């Protein structure tokens, strides 16, 4: 009889203990839901703040563009007015000046030897061509040489090939006069 009473009390005690855990679990689940909802509200507030700033930025951008267009219109209106020329100067190209100083009364016909301007060559320099060719060739060679890690071999080969190609092309540019020697 004692065993039956003890078993009954033990079963009642276990049942009440299980219900308390369920209640605690339900309360913690409700708290998690509330926390999740507050986080969602904070995120929505941040989204609204971002949208508000975006709208303010767009409005400022529109106002700035209106101001710019007005400035352009006034500048165009000012430039379209005829200008009155009050004084003219005649400049003779091939005439030598009587005075010893050059005060801008005549134009230079380009025969002055002290100009020192060099004409820029157009197109791609030899240094650029050498860099491109060296990089591509070095990357291909590096990928073929490196058996285990082809990507690393290609990168290292490309860097070494590009540097070598640049050096060779730069010396060719110096020989042609495109770049001043050191």
N, C-alpha and C. Protein backbone atom coordinates (compact mmCIF):
# COMPACT_ATOMS: atom_id res chain seq x y z
N UNK A 1 0.81 -1.18 0.00
CA UNK A 1 0.00 0.00 0.00
C UNK A 1 0.86 1.26 0.00
N UNK A 2 1.94 1.20 0.76
CA UNK A 2 2.84 2.34 0.79
C UNK A 2 3.40 2.60 -0.62
N UNK A 3 3.70 1.55 -1.32
CA UNK A 3 4.26 1.70 -2.66
C UNK A 3 3.25 2.35 -3.61
N UNK A 4 1.99 2.01 -3.46
CA UNK A 4 0.97 2.59 -4.33
C UNK A 4 0.81 4.07 -4.03
N UNK A 5 0.79 4.43 -2.78
CA UNK A 5 0.65 5.84 -2.39
C UNK A 5 1.87 6.62 -2.85
N UNK A 6 3.04 6.04 -2.65
CA UNK A 6 4.26 6.72 -3.09
C UNK A 6 4.28 6.87 -4.62
N UNK A 7 3.85 5.87 -5.32
CA UNK A 7 3.81 5.94 -6.77
C UNK A 7 2.81 6.99 -7.22
N UNK A 8 1.67 7.08 -6.56
CA UNK A 8 0.66 8.08 -6.90
C UNK A 8 1.18 9.49 -6.64
N UNK A 9 1.80 9.68 -5.49
CA UNK A 9 2.35 11.01 -5.18
C UNK A 9 3.47 11.39 -6.16
N UNK A 10 4.29 10.42 -6.47
CA UNK A 10 5.37 10.67 -7.41
C UNK A 10 4.81 11.04 -8.78
N UNK A 11 3.77 10.35 -9.23
CA UNK A 11 3.17 10.67 -10.53
C UNK A 11 2.52 12.05 -10.51
N UNK A 12 1.86 12.42 -9.42
CA UNK A 12 1.26 13.76 -9.31
C UNK A 12 2.36 14.82 -9.34
N UNK A 13 3.42 14.57 -8.62
CA UNK A 13 4.53 15.51 -8.57
C UNK A 13 5.16 15.69 -9.96
N UNK A 14 5.35 14.61 -10.70
CA UNK A 14 5.93 14.67 -12.05
C UNK A 14 4.99 15.41 -12.98
N UNK A 15 3.71 15.19 -12.87
CA UNK A 15 2.73 15.86 -13.75
C UNK A 15 2.74 17.37 -13.51
N UNK A 16 2.79 17.76 -12.26
CA UNK A 16 2.80 19.20 -11.97
C UNK A 16 4.11 19.82 -12.44
N UNK A 17 5.18 19.09 -12.33
CA UNK A 17 6.47 19.61 -12.77
C UNK A 17 6.48 19.80 -14.28
N UNK A 18 5.87 18.89 -15.02
CA UNK A 18 5.82 19.01 -16.47
C UNK A 18 4.98 20.19 -16.89
N UNK A 19 3.90 20.48 -16.19
CA UNK A 19 3.06 21.62 -16.55
C UNK A 19 3.78 22.92 -16.31
N UNK A 20 4.60 22.99 -15.26
CA UNK A 20 5.35 24.21 -14.99
C UNK A 20 6.34 24.46 -16.12
N UNK A 21 7.01 23.40 -16.60
CA UNK A 21 7.96 23.57 -17.70
C UNK A 21 7.24 24.02 -18.96
N UNK A 22 6.04 23.51 -19.20
CA UNK A 22 5.27 23.95 -20.36
C UNK A 22 4.90 25.41 -20.24
N UNK A 23 4.51 25.84 -19.03
CA UNK A 23 4.15 27.24 -18.83
C UNK A 23 5.36 28.14 -19.02
N UNK A 24 6.51 27.72 -18.50
CA UNK A 24 7.73 28.50 -18.67
C UNK A 24 8.11 28.56 -20.14
N UNK A 25 7.97 27.45 -20.83
CA UNK A 25 8.29 27.41 -22.25
C UNK A 25 7.34 28.31 -23.04
N UNK A 26 6.08 28.32 -22.69
CA UNK A 26 5.12 29.18 -23.37
C UNK A 26 5.44 30.65 -23.11
N UNK A 27 5.82 30.97 -21.87
CA UNK A 27 6.17 32.35 -21.55
C UNK A 27 7.42 32.78 -22.31
N UNK A 28 8.45 31.92 -22.38
CA UNK A 28 9.66 32.28 -23.10
C UNK A 28 9.39 32.38 -24.60
N UNK A 29 8.49 31.58 -25.12
CA UNK A 29 8.11 31.66 -26.52
C UNK A 29 7.40 32.98 -26.81
N UNK A 30 6.54 33.40 -25.90
CA UNK A 30 5.85 34.68 -26.05
C UNK A 30 6.85 35.83 -25.98
N UNK A 31 7.82 35.74 -25.08
CA UNK A 31 8.85 36.78 -24.99
C UNK A 31 9.67 36.85 -26.27
N UNK A 32 9.98 35.70 -26.84
CA UNK A 32 10.74 35.68 -28.09
C UNK A 32 9.94 36.31 -29.22
N UNK A 33 8.64 36.05 -29.26
CA UNK A 33 7.79 36.66 -30.28
C UNK A 33 7.78 38.17 -30.13
N UNK A 34 7.66 38.63 -28.90
CA UNK A 34 7.63 40.07 -28.66
C UNK A 34 8.96 40.71 -29.05
N UNK A 35 10.07 40.07 -28.69
CA UNK A 35 11.39 40.60 -29.07
C UNK A 35 11.54 40.64 -30.58
N UNK A 36 11.09 39.61 -31.26
CA UNK A 36 11.17 39.56 -32.71
C UNK A 36 10.35 40.69 -33.34
N UNK A 37 9.16 40.91 -32.80
CA UNK A 37 8.31 41.98 -33.33
C UNK A 37 8.93 43.35 -33.08
N UNK A 38 9.57 43.55 -31.92
CA UNK A 38 10.22 44.84 -31.67
C UNK A 38 11.40 45.05 -32.63
N UNK A 39 12.14 43.98 -32.91
CA UNK A 39 13.24 44.10 -33.87
C UNK A 39 12.72 44.43 -35.25
N UNK A 40 11.61 43.82 -35.64
CA UNK A 40 11.01 44.13 -36.94
C UNK A 40 10.57 45.58 -36.99
N UNK A 41 10.00 46.08 -35.91
CA UNK A 41 9.58 47.48 -35.86
C UNK A 41 10.78 48.41 -36.00
N UNK A 42 11.89 48.08 -35.34
CA UNK A 42 13.09 48.91 -35.46
C UNK A 42 13.61 48.92 -36.89
N UNK A 43 13.58 47.75 -37.53
CA UNK A 43 14.03 47.68 -38.92
C UNK A 43 13.13 48.52 -39.82
N UNK A 44 11.84 48.46 -39.60
CA UNK A 44 10.91 49.26 -40.40
C UNK A 44 11.14 50.76 -40.17
N UNK A 45 11.45 51.14 -38.93
CA UNK A 45 11.74 52.55 -38.64
C UNK A 45 12.99 53.00 -39.40
N UNK A 46 14.00 52.13 -39.43
CA UNK A 46 15.21 52.46 -40.16
C UNK A 46 14.95 52.57 -41.66
N UNK A 47 14.12 51.69 -42.19
CA UNK A 47 13.77 51.76 -43.61
C UNK A 47 13.06 53.08 -43.92
N UNK A 48 12.15 53.47 -43.03
CA UNK A 48 11.44 54.73 -43.24
C UNK A 48 12.40 55.91 -43.18
N UNK A 49 13.35 55.88 -42.25
CA UNK A 49 14.32 56.97 -42.16
C UNK A 49 15.16 57.05 -43.43
N UNK A 50 15.53 55.89 -43.96
CA UNK A 50 16.31 55.87 -45.20
C UNK A 50 15.49 56.43 -46.35
N UNK A 51 14.25 56.04 -46.44
CA UNK A 51 13.37 56.56 -47.51
C UNK A 51 13.20 58.07 -47.38
N UNK A 52 13.08 58.54 -46.15
CA UNK A 52 12.92 59.97 -45.90
C UNK A 52 14.16 60.73 -46.37
N UNK A 53 15.35 60.19 -46.05
CA UNK A 53 16.58 60.83 -46.49
C UNK A 53 16.71 60.79 -48.01
N UNK A 54 16.30 59.69 -48.60
CA UNK A 54 16.36 59.55 -50.05
C UNK A 54 15.47 60.60 -50.72
N UNK A 55 14.29 60.79 -50.17
CA UNK A 55 13.38 61.78 -50.74
C UNK A 55 13.94 63.18 -50.58
N UNK A 56 14.55 63.46 -49.42
CA UNK A 56 15.15 64.78 -49.22
C UNK A 56 16.31 64.99 -50.19
N UNK A 57 17.10 63.94 -50.42
CA UNK A 57 18.22 64.03 -51.36
C UNK A 57 17.71 64.30 -52.77
N UNK A 58 16.68 63.58 -53.17
CA UNK A 58 16.12 63.78 -54.51
C UNK A 58 15.57 65.19 -54.67
N UNK A 59 14.91 65.69 -53.63
CA UNK A 59 14.38 67.05 -53.70
C UNK A 59 15.51 68.07 -53.82
N UNK A 60 16.59 67.87 -53.06
CA UNK A 60 17.73 68.78 -53.14
C UNK A 60 18.39 68.70 -54.50
N UNK A 61 18.49 67.48 -55.03
CA UNK A 61 19.08 67.29 -56.35
C UNK A 61 18.26 68.00 -57.42
N UNK A 62 16.94 67.91 -57.30
CA UNK A 62 16.05 68.57 -58.26
C UNK A 62 16.19 70.08 -58.15
N UNK A 63 16.27 70.59 -56.91
CA UNK A 63 16.42 72.03 -56.72
C UNK A 63 17.76 72.50 -57.29
N UNK A 64 18.80 71.71 -57.08
CA UNK A 64 20.11 72.08 -57.62
C UNK A 64 20.10 72.08 -59.14
N UNK A 65 19.42 71.11 -59.75
CA UNK A 65 19.37 71.08 -61.21
C UNK A 65 18.57 72.26 -61.76
N UNK A 66 17.54 72.69 -61.05
CA UNK A 66 16.78 73.86 -61.48
C UNK A 66 17.65 75.10 -61.42
N UNK A 67 18.42 75.24 -60.34
CA UNK A 67 19.32 76.38 -60.20
C UNK A 67 20.37 76.37 -61.31
N UNK A 68 20.93 75.18 -61.60
CA UNK A 68 21.93 75.06 -62.65
C UNK A 68 21.35 75.43 -64.01
N UNK A 69 20.13 74.98 -64.29
CA UNK A 69 19.52 75.30 -65.58
C UNK A 69 19.24 76.80 -65.69
N UNK A 70 18.86 77.42 -64.57
CA UNK A 70 18.65 78.88 -64.59
C UNK A 70 19.96 79.61 -64.84
N UNK A 71 21.04 79.13 -64.21
CA UNK A 71 22.34 79.76 -64.45
C UNK A 71 22.75 79.60 -65.90
N UNK A 72 22.50 78.41 -66.47
CA UNK A 72 22.85 78.18 -67.87
C UNK A 72 22.03 79.08 -68.80
N UNK A 73 20.75 79.28 -68.47
CA UNK A 73 19.92 80.16 -69.29
C UNK A 73 20.41 81.60 -69.24
N UNK A 74 20.74 82.07 -68.03
CA UNK A 74 21.24 83.45 -67.92
C UNK A 74 22.58 83.61 -68.61
N UNK A 75 23.44 82.59 -68.53
CA UNK A 75 24.73 82.67 -69.21
C UNK A 75 24.52 82.67 -70.72
N UNK A 76 23.59 81.87 -71.21
CA UNK A 76 23.30 81.83 -72.64
C UNK A 76 22.71 83.16 -73.09
N UNK A 77 21.87 83.76 -72.25
CA UNK A 77 21.28 85.05 -72.60
C UNK A 77 22.36 86.13 -72.64
N UNK A 78 23.31 86.07 -71.71
CA UNK A 78 24.39 87.06 -71.69
C UNK A 78 25.33 86.87 -72.88
N UNK A 79 25.56 85.65 -73.27
CA UNK A 79 26.46 85.39 -74.40
C UNK A 79 25.81 85.69 -75.74
N UNK A 80 24.50 85.69 -75.80
CA UNK A 80 23.84 85.93 -77.08
C UNK A 80 23.74 87.42 -77.42
N UNK A 81 23.98 88.27 -76.45
CA UNK A 81 23.94 89.71 -76.73
C UNK A 81 25.15 90.08 -77.58
N UNK A 82 24.97 90.96 -78.56
CA UNK A 82 26.11 91.37 -79.38
C UNK A 82 27.08 92.23 -78.56
N UNK A 83 28.36 91.96 -78.76
CA UNK A 83 29.38 92.72 -78.04
C UNK A 83 29.94 93.79 -78.96
N UNK A 84 30.19 94.93 -78.41
CA UNK A 84 30.69 96.05 -79.18
C UNK A 84 32.21 96.06 -79.07
N UNK A 85 32.86 96.06 -80.23
CA UNK A 85 34.32 96.10 -80.27
C UNK A 85 34.72 97.56 -80.40
N UNK A 86 35.46 98.02 -79.44
CA UNK A 86 35.82 99.44 -79.42
C UNK A 86 37.22 99.68 -79.98
N UNK A 87 38.08 98.70 -79.99
CA UNK A 87 39.45 98.91 -80.41
C UNK A 87 39.93 97.70 -81.19
N UNK A 88 40.66 97.92 -82.23
CA UNK A 88 41.22 96.83 -83.01
C UNK A 88 42.72 97.03 -83.15
N UNK A 89 43.43 95.92 -83.26
CA UNK A 89 44.87 95.98 -83.48
C UNK A 89 45.18 95.15 -84.71
N UNK A 90 46.06 95.66 -85.55
CA UNK A 90 46.48 94.92 -86.72
C UNK A 90 47.79 94.23 -86.39
N UNK A 91 47.85 92.94 -86.67
CA UNK A 91 49.04 92.17 -86.36
C UNK A 91 49.59 91.64 -87.66
N UNK A 92 50.87 91.90 -87.91
CA UNK A 92 51.53 91.43 -89.10
C UNK A 92 52.39 90.25 -88.73
N UNK A 93 52.27 89.17 -89.47
CA UNK A 93 52.96 87.94 -89.11
C UNK A 93 54.44 87.97 -89.43
N UNK A 94 54.81 88.40 -90.59
CA UNK A 94 56.19 88.27 -91.02
C UNK A 94 57.01 89.54 -90.80
N UNK A 95 56.45 90.55 -90.25
CA UNK A 95 57.16 91.81 -90.03
C UNK A 95 57.97 91.71 -88.74
N UNK A 96 59.18 92.21 -88.76
CA UNK A 96 60.02 92.26 -87.57
C UNK A 96 59.67 93.52 -86.80
N UNK A 97 59.76 93.44 -85.50
CA UNK A 97 59.42 94.55 -84.63
C UNK A 97 60.55 95.57 -84.63
N UNK A 98 60.19 96.85 -84.56
CA UNK A 98 61.19 97.91 -84.51
C UNK A 98 61.81 97.99 -83.12
N UNK A 99 61.04 97.69 -82.11
CA UNK A 99 61.58 97.79 -80.76
C UNK A 99 62.33 96.51 -80.42
N UNK A 100 63.20 96.59 -79.43
CA UNK A 100 64.01 95.43 -79.07
C UNK A 100 63.23 94.43 -78.23
N UNK A 101 62.16 94.86 -77.59
CA UNK A 101 61.38 93.93 -76.77
C UNK A 101 60.15 93.48 -77.52
N UNK A 102 59.74 92.26 -77.27
CA UNK A 102 58.57 91.69 -77.91
C UNK A 102 57.37 91.96 -77.01
N UNK A 103 56.51 92.92 -77.39
CA UNK A 103 55.37 93.26 -76.55
C UNK A 103 54.07 92.75 -77.13
N UNK A 104 54.12 91.83 -78.03
CA UNK A 104 52.90 91.21 -78.54
C UNK A 104 52.29 91.96 -79.70
N UNK A 105 53.02 92.84 -80.37
CA UNK A 105 52.45 93.58 -81.48
C UNK A 105 52.47 92.78 -82.78
N UNK A 106 53.21 91.71 -82.83
CA UNK A 106 53.20 90.88 -84.04
C UNK A 106 53.16 89.43 -83.63
N UNK A 107 52.66 88.63 -84.52
CA UNK A 107 52.53 87.20 -84.23
C UNK A 107 53.77 86.49 -84.72
N UNK A 108 54.12 85.44 -84.05
CA UNK A 108 55.27 84.63 -84.42
C UNK A 108 54.84 83.65 -85.51
N UNK A 109 55.65 83.53 -86.56
CA UNK A 109 55.27 82.65 -87.66
C UNK A 109 55.74 81.22 -87.44
N UNK A 110 56.27 80.90 -86.29
CA UNK A 110 56.65 79.54 -85.98
C UNK A 110 58.09 79.23 -86.32
N UNK A 111 58.87 80.24 -86.77
CA UNK A 111 60.26 79.99 -87.13
C UNK A 111 61.19 80.18 -85.94
N UNK A 112 60.68 80.49 -84.80
CA UNK A 112 61.49 80.71 -83.62
C UNK A 112 62.07 79.39 -83.15
N UNK A 113 63.38 79.30 -83.03
CA UNK A 113 64.03 78.04 -82.68
C UNK A 113 63.98 77.76 -81.18
N UNK A 114 63.63 78.74 -80.39
CA UNK A 114 63.68 78.55 -78.93
C UNK A 114 62.36 78.01 -78.37
N UNK A 115 61.48 77.56 -79.24
CA UNK A 115 60.20 77.05 -78.74
C UNK A 115 60.41 75.78 -77.94
N UNK A 116 61.12 74.81 -78.43
CA UNK A 116 61.46 73.61 -77.70
C UNK A 116 60.28 72.66 -77.48
N UNK A 117 59.22 72.81 -78.23
CA UNK A 117 58.08 71.91 -78.06
C UNK A 117 58.30 70.69 -78.93
N UNK A 118 57.99 69.54 -78.39
CA UNK A 118 58.09 68.31 -79.17
C UNK A 118 56.70 67.84 -79.49
N UNK A 119 56.56 67.23 -80.62
CA UNK A 119 55.26 66.72 -81.01
C UNK A 119 55.01 65.41 -80.28
N UNK A 120 53.82 65.26 -79.76
CA UNK A 120 53.47 64.02 -79.05
C UNK A 120 53.10 62.98 -80.08
N UNK A 121 53.66 61.81 -79.88
CA UNK A 121 53.33 60.71 -80.78
C UNK A 121 52.00 60.13 -80.35
N UNK A 122 51.22 59.75 -81.31
CA UNK A 122 49.91 59.18 -81.02
C UNK A 122 49.99 57.67 -81.04
N UNK A 123 49.02 57.05 -80.44
CA UNK A 123 48.97 55.60 -80.42
C UNK A 123 49.51 55.05 -79.12
N UNK A 124 49.59 53.75 -79.07
CA UNK A 124 50.03 53.06 -77.86
C UNK A 124 51.55 53.03 -77.81
N UNK A 125 52.11 53.30 -76.66
CA UNK A 125 53.57 53.29 -76.52
C UNK A 125 54.07 51.86 -76.52
N UNK A 126 55.37 51.74 -76.76
CA UNK A 126 55.97 50.41 -76.75
C UNK A 126 55.96 49.82 -75.35
N UNK A 127 56.03 50.68 -74.33
CA UNK A 127 55.97 50.20 -72.95
C UNK A 127 54.61 49.56 -72.67
N UNK A 128 53.54 50.19 -73.16
CA UNK A 128 52.20 49.63 -72.95
C UNK A 128 52.03 48.32 -73.71
N UNK A 129 52.51 48.30 -74.95
CA UNK A 129 52.42 47.06 -75.73
C UNK A 129 53.22 45.94 -75.08
N UNK A 130 54.42 46.28 -74.61
CA UNK A 130 55.26 45.28 -73.96
C UNK A 130 54.63 44.76 -72.69
N UNK A 131 53.98 45.65 -71.93
CA UNK A 131 53.32 45.22 -70.70
C UNK A 131 52.19 44.25 -71.00
N UNK A 132 51.39 44.56 -72.00
CA UNK A 132 50.26 43.70 -72.34
C UNK A 132 50.75 42.34 -72.83
N UNK A 133 51.68 42.36 -73.75
CA UNK A 133 52.19 41.11 -74.30
C UNK A 133 52.88 40.29 -73.23
N UNK A 134 53.69 40.94 -72.39
CA UNK A 134 54.39 40.24 -71.33
C UNK A 134 53.45 39.65 -70.30
N UNK A 135 52.38 40.38 -69.97
CA UNK A 135 51.42 39.88 -68.98
C UNK A 135 50.70 38.66 -69.50
N UNK A 136 50.22 38.73 -70.73
CA UNK A 136 49.49 37.60 -71.30
C UNK A 136 50.40 36.39 -71.47
N UNK A 137 51.58 36.63 -72.02
CA UNK A 137 52.52 35.52 -72.22
C UNK A 137 52.98 34.93 -70.91
N UNK A 138 53.28 35.78 -69.93
CA UNK A 138 53.73 35.29 -68.62
C UNK A 138 52.64 34.51 -67.91
N UNK A 139 51.39 34.96 -68.02
CA UNK A 139 50.28 34.24 -67.38
C UNK A 139 50.10 32.87 -68.02
N UNK A 140 50.19 32.81 -69.34
CA UNK A 140 50.05 31.52 -70.02
C UNK A 140 51.20 30.59 -69.63
N UNK A 141 52.40 31.11 -69.63
CA UNK A 141 53.56 30.29 -69.27
C UNK A 141 53.47 29.85 -67.81
N UNK A 142 53.07 30.74 -66.93
CA UNK A 142 52.94 30.39 -65.51
C UNK A 142 51.90 29.33 -65.28
N UNK A 143 50.80 29.40 -66.01
CA UNK A 143 49.75 28.38 -65.86
C UNK A 143 50.23 27.03 -66.37
N UNK A 144 51.04 27.03 -67.43
CA UNK A 144 51.56 25.77 -67.96
C UNK A 144 52.63 25.17 -67.07
N UNK A 145 53.45 26.03 -66.48
CA UNK A 145 54.56 25.54 -65.66
C UNK A 145 54.06 25.00 -64.33
N UNK A 146 53.15 25.73 -63.68
CA UNK A 146 52.66 25.32 -62.36
C UNK A 146 51.63 24.21 -62.54
N UNK A 147 51.97 23.01 -62.15
CA UNK A 147 51.06 21.87 -62.33
C UNK A 147 50.02 21.79 -61.22
N UNK A 148 50.41 22.09 -59.98
CA UNK A 148 49.51 21.90 -58.85
C UNK A 148 48.54 23.08 -58.68
N UNK A 149 49.03 24.29 -58.84
CA UNK A 149 48.18 25.46 -58.64
C UNK A 149 48.33 26.38 -59.85
N UNK A 150 47.53 26.15 -60.87
CA UNK A 150 47.65 26.89 -62.12
C UNK A 150 47.29 28.37 -61.97
N UNK A 151 46.33 28.65 -61.12
CA UNK A 151 45.93 30.06 -60.92
C UNK A 151 47.05 30.89 -60.33
N UNK A 152 47.70 30.37 -59.31
CA UNK A 152 48.83 31.07 -58.70
C UNK A 152 49.97 31.22 -59.68
N UNK A 153 50.23 30.17 -60.47
CA UNK A 153 51.28 30.23 -61.48
C UNK A 153 50.97 31.29 -62.53
N UNK A 154 49.69 31.39 -62.91
CA UNK A 154 49.30 32.40 -63.91
C UNK A 154 49.49 33.80 -63.35
N UNK A 155 49.14 34.01 -62.10
CA UNK A 155 49.28 35.34 -61.49
C UNK A 155 50.75 35.73 -61.41
N UNK A 156 51.57 34.83 -60.88
CA UNK A 156 53.00 35.14 -60.75
C UNK A 156 53.63 35.34 -62.12
N UNK A 157 53.31 34.48 -63.07
CA UNK A 157 53.85 34.62 -64.43
C UNK A 157 53.40 35.91 -65.08
N UNK A 158 52.14 36.30 -64.85
CA UNK A 158 51.64 37.54 -65.42
C UNK A 158 52.35 38.76 -64.87
N UNK A 159 52.62 38.76 -63.56
CA UNK A 159 53.31 39.90 -62.95
C UNK A 159 54.74 39.98 -63.46
N UNK A 160 55.44 38.86 -63.47
CA UNK A 160 56.83 38.86 -63.94
C UNK A 160 56.89 39.22 -65.42
N UNK A 161 56.02 38.64 -66.22
CA UNK A 161 56.00 38.94 -67.65
C UNK A 161 55.64 40.37 -67.95
N UNK A 162 54.68 40.92 -67.19
CA UNK A 162 54.30 42.31 -67.39
C UNK A 162 55.44 43.26 -67.06
N UNK A 163 56.13 43.00 -65.95
CA UNK A 163 57.26 43.86 -65.57
C UNK A 163 58.38 43.79 -66.60
N UNK A 164 58.66 42.59 -67.08
CA UNK A 164 59.71 42.43 -68.09
C UNK A 164 59.32 43.11 -69.39
N UNK A 165 58.06 42.93 -69.82
CA UNK A 165 57.59 43.57 -71.05
C UNK A 165 57.60 45.08 -70.95
N UNK A 166 57.26 45.61 -69.78
CA UNK A 166 57.28 47.07 -69.58
C UNK A 166 58.71 47.59 -69.69
N UNK A 167 59.65 46.89 -69.06
CA UNK A 167 61.04 47.33 -69.09
C UNK A 167 61.58 47.34 -70.51
N UNK A 168 61.31 46.31 -71.26
CA UNK A 168 61.78 46.24 -72.64
C UNK A 168 61.11 47.32 -73.49
N UNK A 169 59.80 47.49 -73.33
CA UNK A 169 59.08 48.51 -74.11
C UNK A 169 59.51 49.92 -73.76
N UNK A 170 59.80 50.16 -72.49
CA UNK A 170 60.23 51.49 -72.05
C UNK A 170 61.58 51.84 -72.67
N UNK A 171 62.47 50.86 -72.75
CA UNK A 171 63.76 51.14 -73.38
C UNK A 171 63.57 51.43 -74.87
N UNK A 172 62.62 50.76 -75.51
CA UNK A 172 62.31 51.06 -76.91
C UNK A 172 61.75 52.46 -77.07
N UNK A 173 60.92 52.90 -76.14
CA UNK A 173 60.39 54.27 -76.18
C UNK A 173 61.51 55.29 -76.01
N UNK A 174 62.48 54.99 -75.16
CA UNK A 174 63.61 55.90 -74.97
C UNK A 174 64.42 56.01 -76.26
N UNK A 175 64.63 54.90 -76.95
CA UNK A 175 65.39 54.91 -78.18
C UNK A 175 64.66 55.72 -79.26
N UNK A 176 63.33 55.64 -79.30
CA UNK A 176 62.55 56.36 -80.30
C UNK A 176 62.40 57.85 -79.98
N UNK A 177 62.68 58.23 -78.74
CA UNK A 177 62.54 59.61 -78.34
C UNK A 177 61.16 59.94 -77.78
N UNK A 178 60.34 58.95 -77.59
CA UNK A 178 59.03 59.19 -77.03
C UNK A 178 59.12 59.56 -75.54
N UNK A 179 60.10 58.99 -74.86
CA UNK A 179 60.35 59.26 -73.45
C UNK A 179 61.77 59.78 -73.32
N UNK A 180 61.96 60.78 -72.50
CA UNK A 180 63.28 61.33 -72.30
C UNK A 180 64.15 60.36 -71.51
N UNK A 181 65.38 60.12 -71.93
CA UNK A 181 66.25 59.21 -71.15
C UNK A 181 66.58 59.83 -69.81
N UNK A 182 66.93 58.93 -68.88
CA UNK A 182 67.25 59.38 -67.52
C UNK A 182 68.50 60.21 -67.47
